[in-house]
PDB file of N, CA and C in Angstrom:
ATOM      1  N   MET A   1      33.305  -6.160  -4.279  1.00  0.00           N
ATOM      2  CA  MET A   1      33.568  -5.545  -2.996  1.00  0.00           C
ATOM      3  C   MET A   1      32.659  -6.178  -1.948  1.00  0.00           C
ATOM      4  N   MET A   2      33.210  -6.519  -0.813  1.00  0.00           N
ATOM      5  CA  MET A   2      32.449  -7.114   0.278  1.00  0.00           C
ATOM      6  C   MET A   2      32.293  -6.083   1.388  1.00  0.00           C
ATOM      7  N   LEU A   3      31.044  -5.840   1.774  1.00  0.00           N
ATOM      8  CA  LEU A   3      30.784  -4.893   2.849  1.00  0.00           C
ATOM      9  C   LEU A   3      30.758  -5.636   4.176  1.00  0.00           C
ATOM     10  N   LEU A   4      31.469  -5.138   5.147  1.00  0.00           N
ATOM     11  CA  LEU A   4      31.480  -5.734   6.471  1.00  0.00           C
ATOM     12  C   LEU A   4      30.713  -4.831   7.414  1.00  0.00           C
ATOM     13  N   ASP A   5      29.807  -5.420   8.146  1.00  0.00           N
ATOM     14  CA  ASP A   5      28.991  -4.663   9.085  1.00  0.00           C
ATOM     15  C   ASP A   5      29.385  -5.081  10.496  1.00  0.00           C
ATOM     16  N   SER A   6      29.893  -4.161  11.278  1.00  0.00           N
ATOM     17  CA  SER A   6      30.374  -4.489  12.615  1.00  0.00           C
ATOM     18  C   SER A   6      29.241  -4.711  13.610  1.00  0.00           C
ATOM     19  N   ARG A   7      28.040  -4.272  13.302  1.00  0.00           N
ATOM     20  CA  ARG A   7      26.911  -4.445  14.217  1.00  0.00           C
ATOM     21  C   ARG A   7      26.281  -5.813  13.965  1.00  0.00           C
ATOM     22  N   SER A   8      26.403  -6.740  14.897  1.00  0.00           N
ATOM     23  CA  SER A   8      25.924  -8.103  14.687  1.00  0.00           C
ATOM     24  C   SER A   8      24.403  -8.166  14.596  1.00  0.00           C
ATOM     25  N   GLU A   9      23.701  -7.325  15.333  1.00  0.00           N
ATOM     26  CA  GLU A   9      22.243  -7.376  15.318  1.00  0.00           C
ATOM     27  C   GLU A   9      21.646  -6.788  14.044  1.00  0.00           C
ATOM     28  N   SER A  10      22.423  -6.073  13.262  1.00  0.00           N
ATOM     29  CA  SER A  10      21.880  -5.424  12.073  1.00  0.00           C
ATOM     30  C   SER A  10      21.472  -6.424  11.005  1.00  0.00           C
ATOM     31  N   GLY A  11      22.027  -7.620  11.017  1.00  0.00           N
ATOM     32  CA  GLY A  11      21.684  -8.638  10.036  1.00  0.00           C
ATOM     33  C   GLY A  11      20.534  -9.513  10.472  1.00  0.00           C
ATOM     34  N   ARG A  12      19.792  -9.094  11.473  1.00  0.00           N
ATOM     35  CA  ARG A  12      18.683  -9.871  12.022  1.00  0.00           C
ATOM     36  C   ARG A  12      17.377  -9.096  11.933  1.00  0.00           C
ATOM     37  N   CYS A  13      16.299  -9.835  11.774  1.00  0.00           N
ATOM     38  CA  CYS A  13      14.961  -9.241  11.813  1.00  0.00           C
ATOM     39  C   CYS A  13      14.697  -8.782  13.245  1.00  0.00           C
ATOM     40  N   LEU A  14      14.199  -7.588  13.400  1.00  0.00           N
ATOM     41  CA  LEU A  14      13.922  -7.058  14.734  1.00  0.00           C
ATOM     42  C   LEU A  14      12.723  -7.734  15.389  1.00  0.00           C
ATOM     43  N   TYR A  15      11.869  -8.394  14.599  1.00  0.00           N
ATOM     44  CA  TYR A  15      10.675  -9.038  15.145  1.00  0.00           C
ATOM     45  C   TYR A  15      10.953 -10.474  15.591  1.00  0.00           C
ATOM     46  N   CYS A  16      11.569 -11.275  14.690  1.00  0.00           N
ATOM     47  CA  CYS A  16      11.747 -12.695  15.006  1.00  0.00           C
ATOM     48  C   CYS A  16      13.197 -13.123  15.167  1.00  0.00           C
ATOM     49  N   GLY A  17      14.142 -12.268  14.810  1.00  0.00           N
ATOM     50  CA  GLY A  17      15.547 -12.587  14.973  1.00  0.00           C
ATOM     51  C   GLY A  17      16.173 -13.395  13.853  1.00  0.00           C
ATOM     52  N   SER A  18      15.420 -13.680  12.796  1.00  0.00           N
ATOM     53  CA  SER A  18      15.972 -14.429  11.663  1.00  0.00           C
ATOM     54  C   SER A  18      16.985 -13.584  10.904  1.00  0.00           C
ATOM     55  N   HIS A  19      17.925 -14.269  10.259  1.00  0.00           N
ATOM     56  CA  HIS A  19      18.922 -13.569   9.448  1.00  0.00           C
ATOM     57  C   HIS A  19      18.245 -12.931   8.236  1.00  0.00           C
ATOM     58  N   VAL A  20      18.600 -11.693   7.935  1.00  0.00           N
ATOM     59  CA  VAL A  20      18.140 -11.012   6.723  1.00  0.00           C
ATOM     60  C   VAL A  20      19.352 -10.410   6.024  1.00  0.00           C
ATOM     61  N   SER A  21      19.364 -10.514   4.713  1.00  0.00           N
ATOM     62  CA  SER A  21      20.511 -10.029   3.948  1.00  0.00           C
ATOM     63  C   SER A  21      20.552  -8.500   3.907  1.00  0.00           C
ATOM     64  N   LEU A  22      21.706  -7.983   3.585  1.00  0.00           N
ATOM     65  CA  LEU A  22      21.862  -6.539   3.438  1.00  0.00           C
ATOM     66  C   LEU A  22      20.964  -6.022   2.317  1.00  0.00           C
ATOM     67  N   ASP A  23      20.867  -6.768   1.222  1.00  0.00           N
ATOM     68  CA  ASP A  23      19.994  -6.346   0.119  1.00  0.00           C
ATOM     69  C   ASP A  23      18.538  -6.267   0.567  1.00  0.00           C
ATOM     70  N   PHE A  24      18.073  -7.250   1.344  1.00  0.00           N
ATOM     71  CA  PHE A  24      16.703  -7.215   1.857  1.00  0.00           C
ATOM     72  C   PHE A  24      16.505  -5.974   2.717  1.00  0.00           C
ATOM     73  N   ARG A  25      17.466  -5.697   3.590  1.00  0.00           N
ATOM     74  CA  ARG A  25      17.349  -4.532   4.477  1.00  0.00           C
ATOM     75  C   ARG A  25      17.357  -3.231   3.698  1.00  0.00           C
ATOM     76  N   ARG A  26      18.141  -3.161   2.630  1.00  0.00           N
ATOM     77  CA  ARG A  26      18.167  -1.948   1.800  1.00  0.00           C
ATOM     78  C   ARG A  26      16.842  -1.730   1.088  1.00  0.00           C
ATOM     79  N   VAL A  27      16.274  -2.810   0.548  1.00  0.00           N
ATOM     80  CA  VAL A  27      15.044  -2.697  -0.241  1.00  0.00           C
ATOM     81  C   VAL A  27      13.810  -2.538   0.640  1.00  0.00           C
ATOM     82  N   TYR A  28      13.668  -3.404   1.640  1.00  0.00           N
ATOM     83  CA  TYR A  28      12.442  -3.431   2.441  1.00  0.00           C
ATOM     84  C   TYR A  28      12.565  -2.732   3.793  1.00  0.00           C
ATOM     85  N   GLY A  29      13.771  -2.535   4.289  1.00  0.00           N
ATOM     86  CA  GLY A  29      13.969  -2.006   5.633  1.00  0.00           C
ATOM     87  C   GLY A  29      13.702  -0.516   5.766  1.00  0.00           C
ATOM     88  N   ASP A  30      13.969  -0.013   6.964  1.00  0.00           N
ATOM     89  CA  ASP A  30      13.746   1.408   7.229  1.00  0.00           C
ATOM     90  C   ASP A  30      14.931   2.239   6.724  1.00  0.00           C
ATOM     91  N   ASP A  31      14.940   3.516   7.055  1.00  0.00           N
ATOM     92  CA  ASP A  31      15.985   4.430   6.577  1.00  0.00           C
ATOM     93  C   ASP A  31      17.379   4.081   7.103  1.00  0.00           C
ATOM     94  N   ASP A  32      17.435   3.307   8.184  1.00  0.00           N
ATOM     95  CA  ASP A  32      18.715   2.873   8.747  1.00  0.00           C
ATOM     96  C   ASP A  32      19.066   1.450   8.325  1.00  0.00           C
ATOM     97  N   ASP A  33      18.379   0.931   7.294  1.00  0.00           N
ATOM     98  CA  ASP A  33      18.590  -0.426   6.775  1.00  0.00           C
ATOM     99  C   ASP A  33      18.370  -1.502   7.837  1.00  0.00           C
ATOM    100  N   ARG A  34      17.368  -1.291   8.686  1.00  0.00           N
ATOM    101  CA  ARG A  34      16.974  -2.302   9.670  1.00  0.00           C
ATOM    102  C   ARG A  34      15.677  -2.940   9.203  1.00  0.00           C
ATOM    103  N   ALA A  35      15.570  -4.258   9.340  1.00  0.00           N
ATOM    104  CA  ALA A  35      14.351  -4.971   8.962  1.00  0.00           C
ATOM    105  C   ALA A  35      13.505  -5.212  10.206  1.00  0.00           C
ATOM    106  N   HIS A  36      12.326  -4.625  10.233  1.00  0.00           N
ATOM    107  CA  HIS A  36      11.416  -4.812  11.358  1.00  0.00           C
ATOM    108  C   HIS A  36      10.645  -6.117  11.224  1.00  0.00           C
ATOM    109  N   ARG A  37      10.465  -6.609  10.011  1.00  0.00           N
ATOM    110  CA  ARG A  37       9.831  -7.901   9.711  1.00  0.00           C
ATOM    111  C   ARG A  37      10.587  -8.527   8.548  1.00  0.00           C
ATOM    112  N   CYS A  38      10.392  -9.841   8.331  1.00  0.00           N
ATOM    113  CA  CYS A  38      11.090 -10.541   7.250  1.00  0.00           C
ATOM    114  C   CYS A  38      10.185 -11.628   6.675  1.00  0.00           C
ATOM    115  N   PHE A  39      10.716 -12.397   5.718  1.00  0.00           N
ATOM    116  CA  PHE A  39       9.939 -13.466   5.094  1.00  0.00           C
ATOM    117  C   PHE A  39       9.602 -14.587   6.073  1.00  0.00           C
ATOM    118  N   GLU A  40      10.342 -14.723   7.151  1.00  0.00           N
ATOM    119  CA  GLU A  40      10.067 -15.768   8.141  1.00  0.00           C
ATOM    120  C   GLU A  40       8.874 -15.419   9.030  1.00  0.00           C
ATOM    121  N   CYS A  41       8.616 -14.145   9.239  1.00  0.00           N
ATOM    122  CA  CYS A  41       7.575 -13.756  10.190  1.00  0.00           C
ATOM    123  C   CYS A  41       6.460 -12.915   9.576  1.00  0.00           C
ATOM    124  N   ASP A  42       6.498 -12.677   8.274  1.00  0.00           N
ATOM    125  CA  ASP A  42       5.457 -11.861   7.647  1.00  0.00           C
ATOM    126  C   ASP A  42       5.226 -12.324   6.217  1.00  0.00           C
ATOM    127  N   THR A  43       4.153 -11.843   5.623  1.00  0.00           N
ATOM    128  CA  THR A  43       3.815 -12.222   4.252  1.00  0.00           C
ATOM    129  C   THR A  43       4.426 -11.239   3.260  1.00  0.00           C
ATOM    130  N   LEU A  44       4.594 -11.698   2.032  1.00  0.00           N
ATOM    131  CA  LEU A  44       5.171 -10.856   0.988  1.00  0.00           C
ATOM    132  C   LEU A  44       4.333  -9.601   0.766  1.00  0.00           C
ATOM    133  N   VAL A  45       3.021  -9.744   0.785  1.00  0.00           N
ATOM    134  CA  VAL A  45       2.145  -8.589   0.555  1.00  0.00           C
ATOM    135  C   VAL A  45       2.358  -7.530   1.637  1.00  0.00           C
ATOM    136  N   ARG A  46       2.447  -7.954   2.883  1.00  0.00           N
ATOM    137  CA  ARG A  46       2.678  -6.993   3.969  1.00  0.00           C
ATOM    138  C   ARG A  46       4.064  -6.370   3.870  1.00  0.00           C
ATOM    139  N   LEU A  47       5.072  -7.182   3.509  1.00  0.00           N
ATOM    140  CA  LEU A  47       6.428  -6.652   3.352  1.00  0.00           C
ATOM    141  C   LEU A  47       6.477  -5.614   2.243  1.00  0.00           C
ATOM    142  N   GLN A  48       5.787  -5.888   1.140  1.00  0.00           N
ATOM    143  CA  GLN A  48       5.758  -4.944   0.022  1.00  0.00           C
ATOM    144  C   GLN A  48       5.050  -3.650   0.387  1.00  0.00           C
ATOM    145  N   ARG A  49       4.150  -3.699   1.342  1.00  0.00           N
ATOM    146  CA  ARG A  49       3.438  -2.495   1.783  1.00  0.00           C
ATOM    147  C   ARG A  49       4.194  -1.713   2.850  1.00  0.00           C
ATOM    148  N   GLY A  50       5.305  -2.264   3.357  1.00  0.00           N
ATOM    149  CA  GLY A  50       6.127  -1.495   4.278  1.00  0.00           C
ATOM    150  C   GLY A  50       6.309  -2.046   5.675  1.00  0.00           C
ATOM    151  N   SER A  51       5.813  -3.248   5.958  1.00  0.00           N
ATOM    152  CA  SER A  51       5.950  -3.771   7.323  1.00  0.00           C
ATOM    153  C   SER A  51       7.407  -3.987   7.719  1.00  0.00           C
ATOM    154  N   ALA A  52       8.274  -4.335   6.771  1.00  0.00           N
ATOM    155  CA  ALA A  52       9.694  -4.528   7.091  1.00  0.00           C
ATOM    156  C   ALA A  52      10.371  -3.205   7.423  1.00  0.00           C
ATOM    157  N   GLY A  53       9.801  -2.115   6.957  1.00  0.00           N
ATOM    158  CA  GLY A  53      10.334  -0.794   7.266  1.00  0.00           C
ATOM    159  C   GLY A  53       9.755  -0.204   8.534  1.00  0.00           C
ATOM    160  N   GLY A  54       8.920  -0.969   9.226  1.00  0.00           N
ATOM    161  CA  GLY A  54       8.347  -0.501  10.482  1.00  0.00           C
ATOM    162  C   GLY A  54       7.012   0.194  10.338  1.00  0.00           C
ATOM    163  N   LEU A  55       6.421   0.163   9.140  1.00  0.00           N
ATOM    164  CA  LEU A  55       5.132   0.819   8.926  1.00  0.00           C
ATOM    165  C   LEU A  55       3.979  -0.091   9.331  1.00  0.00           C
ATOM    166  N   ASP A  56       2.897   0.503   9.813  1.00  0.00           N
ATOM    167  CA  ASP A  56       1.667  -0.244  10.051  1.00  0.00           C
ATOM    168  C   ASP A  56       0.967  -0.413   8.718  1.00  0.00           C
ATOM    169  N   VAL A  57       0.554  -1.633   8.410  1.00  0.00           N
ATOM    170  CA  VAL A  57      -0.131  -1.899   7.151  1.00  0.00           C
ATOM    171  C   VAL A  57      -1.529  -2.431   7.449  1.00  0.00           C
ATOM    172  N   PRO A  58      -2.503  -2.182   6.554  1.00  0.00           N
ATOM    173  CA  PRO A  58      -3.890  -2.560   6.819  1.00  0.00           C
ATOM    174  C   PRO A  58      -4.189  -4.050   6.652  1.00  0.00           C
ATOM    175  N   ILE A  59      -3.233  -4.839   6.229  1.00  0.00           N
ATOM    176  CA  ILE A  59      -3.427  -6.273   6.016  1.00  0.00           C
ATOM    177  C   ILE A  59      -3.171  -6.998   7.336  1.00  0.00           C
ATOM    178  N   PRO A  60      -4.014  -7.982   7.701  1.00  0.00           N
ATOM    179  CA  PRO A  60      -3.843  -8.674   8.987  1.00  0.00           C
ATOM    180  C   PRO A  60      -2.458  -9.297   9.157  1.00  0.00           C
ATOM    181  N   ASP A  61      -1.941  -9.178  10.359  1.00  0.00           N
ATOM    182  CA  ASP A  61      -0.637  -9.736  10.713  1.00  0.00           C
ATOM    183  C   ASP A  61      -0.774 -11.256  10.847  1.00  0.00           C
ATOM    184  N   PRO A  62       0.053 -12.054  10.162  1.00  0.00           N
ATOM    185  CA  PRO A  62      -0.078 -13.509  10.244  1.00  0.00           C
ATOM    186  C   PRO A  62       0.210 -14.078  11.635  1.00  0.00           C
ATOM    187  N   TRP A  63       0.913 -13.362  12.499  1.00  0.00           N
ATOM    188  CA  TRP A  63       1.174 -13.846  13.858  1.00  0.00           C
ATOM    189  C   TRP A  63      -0.012 -13.575  14.774  1.00  0.00           C
ATOM    190  N   ILE A  64      -0.806 -12.558  14.452  1.00  0.00           N
ATOM    191  CA  ILE A  64      -1.958 -12.209  15.279  1.00  0.00           C
ATOM    192  C   ILE A  64      -3.225 -12.883  14.764  1.00  0.00           C
ATOM    193  N   ALA A  65      -3.380 -12.961  13.447  1.00  0.00           N
ATOM    194  CA  ALA A  65      -4.564 -13.556  12.824  1.00  0.00           C
ATOM    195  C   ALA A  65      -4.139 -14.630  11.821  1.00  0.00           C
ATOM    196  N   PRO A  66      -3.609 -15.781  12.293  1.00  0.00           N
ATOM    197  CA  PRO A  66      -3.077 -16.786  11.369  1.00  0.00           C
ATOM    198  C   PRO A  66      -4.123 -17.374  10.430  1.00  0.00           C
ATOM    199  N   GLY A  67      -5.366 -17.436  10.823  1.00  0.00           N
ATOM    200  CA  GLY A  67      -6.415 -17.981   9.967  1.00  0.00           C
ATOM    201  C   GLY A  67      -6.678 -17.145   8.729  1.00  0.00           C
ATOM    202  N   ARG A  68      -6.312 -15.881   8.787  1.00  0.00           N
ATOM    203  CA  ARG A  68      -6.519 -14.996   7.642  1.00  0.00           C
ATOM    204  C   ARG A  68      -5.541 -15.281   6.513  1.00  0.00           C
ATOM    205  N   HIS A  69      -4.535 -16.090   6.778  1.00  0.00           N
ATOM    206  CA  HIS A  69      -3.503 -16.376   5.781  1.00  0.00           C
ATOM    207  C   HIS A  69      -3.394 -17.870   5.520  1.00  0.00           C
ATOM    208  N   GLY A  70      -4.498 -18.600   5.667  1.00  0.00           N
ATOM    209  CA  GLY A  70      -4.493 -20.025   5.378  1.00  0.00           C
ATOM    210  C   GLY A  70      -4.461 -20.912   6.600  1.00  0.00           C
ATOM    211  N   GLY A  71      -4.251 -20.345   7.763  1.00  0.00           N
ATOM    212  CA  GLY A  71      -4.258 -21.133   8.984  1.00  0.00           C
ATOM    213  C   GLY A  71      -3.122 -22.124   9.064  1.00  0.00           C
ATOM    214  N   ASP A  72      -3.333 -23.160   9.827  1.00  0.00           N
ATOM    215  CA  ASP A  72      -2.330 -24.190  10.050  1.00  0.00           C
ATOM    216  C   ASP A  72      -2.381 -25.210   8.919  1.00  0.00           C
ATOM    217  N   PRO A  73      -1.325 -25.340   8.099  1.00  0.00           N
ATOM    218  CA  PRO A  73      -1.367 -26.255   6.962  1.00  0.00           C
ATOM    219  C   PRO A  73      -1.507 -27.716   7.362  1.00  0.00           C
ATOM    220  N   GLU A  74      -1.187 -28.082   8.604  1.00  0.00           N
ATOM    221  CA  GLU A  74      -1.327 -29.466   9.052  1.00  0.00           C
ATOM    222  C   GLU A  74      -2.789 -29.891   9.106  1.00  0.00           C
ATOM    223  N   ARG A  75      -3.689 -28.958   9.220  1.00  0.00           N
ATOM    224  CA  ARG A  75      -5.111 -29.288   9.305  1.00  0.00           C
ATOM    225  C   ARG A  75      -5.759 -29.415   7.936  1.00  0.00           C
ATOM    226  N   TRP A  76      -5.046 -29.057   6.881  1.00  0.00           N
ATOM    227  CA  TRP A  76      -5.626 -29.127   5.550  1.00  0.00           C
ATOM    228  C   TRP A  76      -5.782 -30.576   5.136  1.00  0.00           C
ATOM    229  N   SER A  77      -6.856 -30.865   4.423  1.00  0.00           N
ATOM    230  CA  SER A  77      -7.044 -32.243   3.949  1.00  0.00           C
ATOM    231  C   SER A  77      -7.064 -32.307   2.451  1.00  0.00           C
TER     232      SER A  77
END
């Protein structure tokens, strides 16, 4: 069975606009199956703690504190 969603914005991350699957939204999203964050704009640890569901998590946000998550890989030697 294929589910069709008439709301075009529902398949997008609310933070960065990247496409997110229905399964991702069901598992990680909020009660309305909306993804507030995704793998493109957040880390797996933060997503597992609830950031995709719109919850504040105690782990630093990679967009605000990029150095806390390895920084810019181009600078690595």
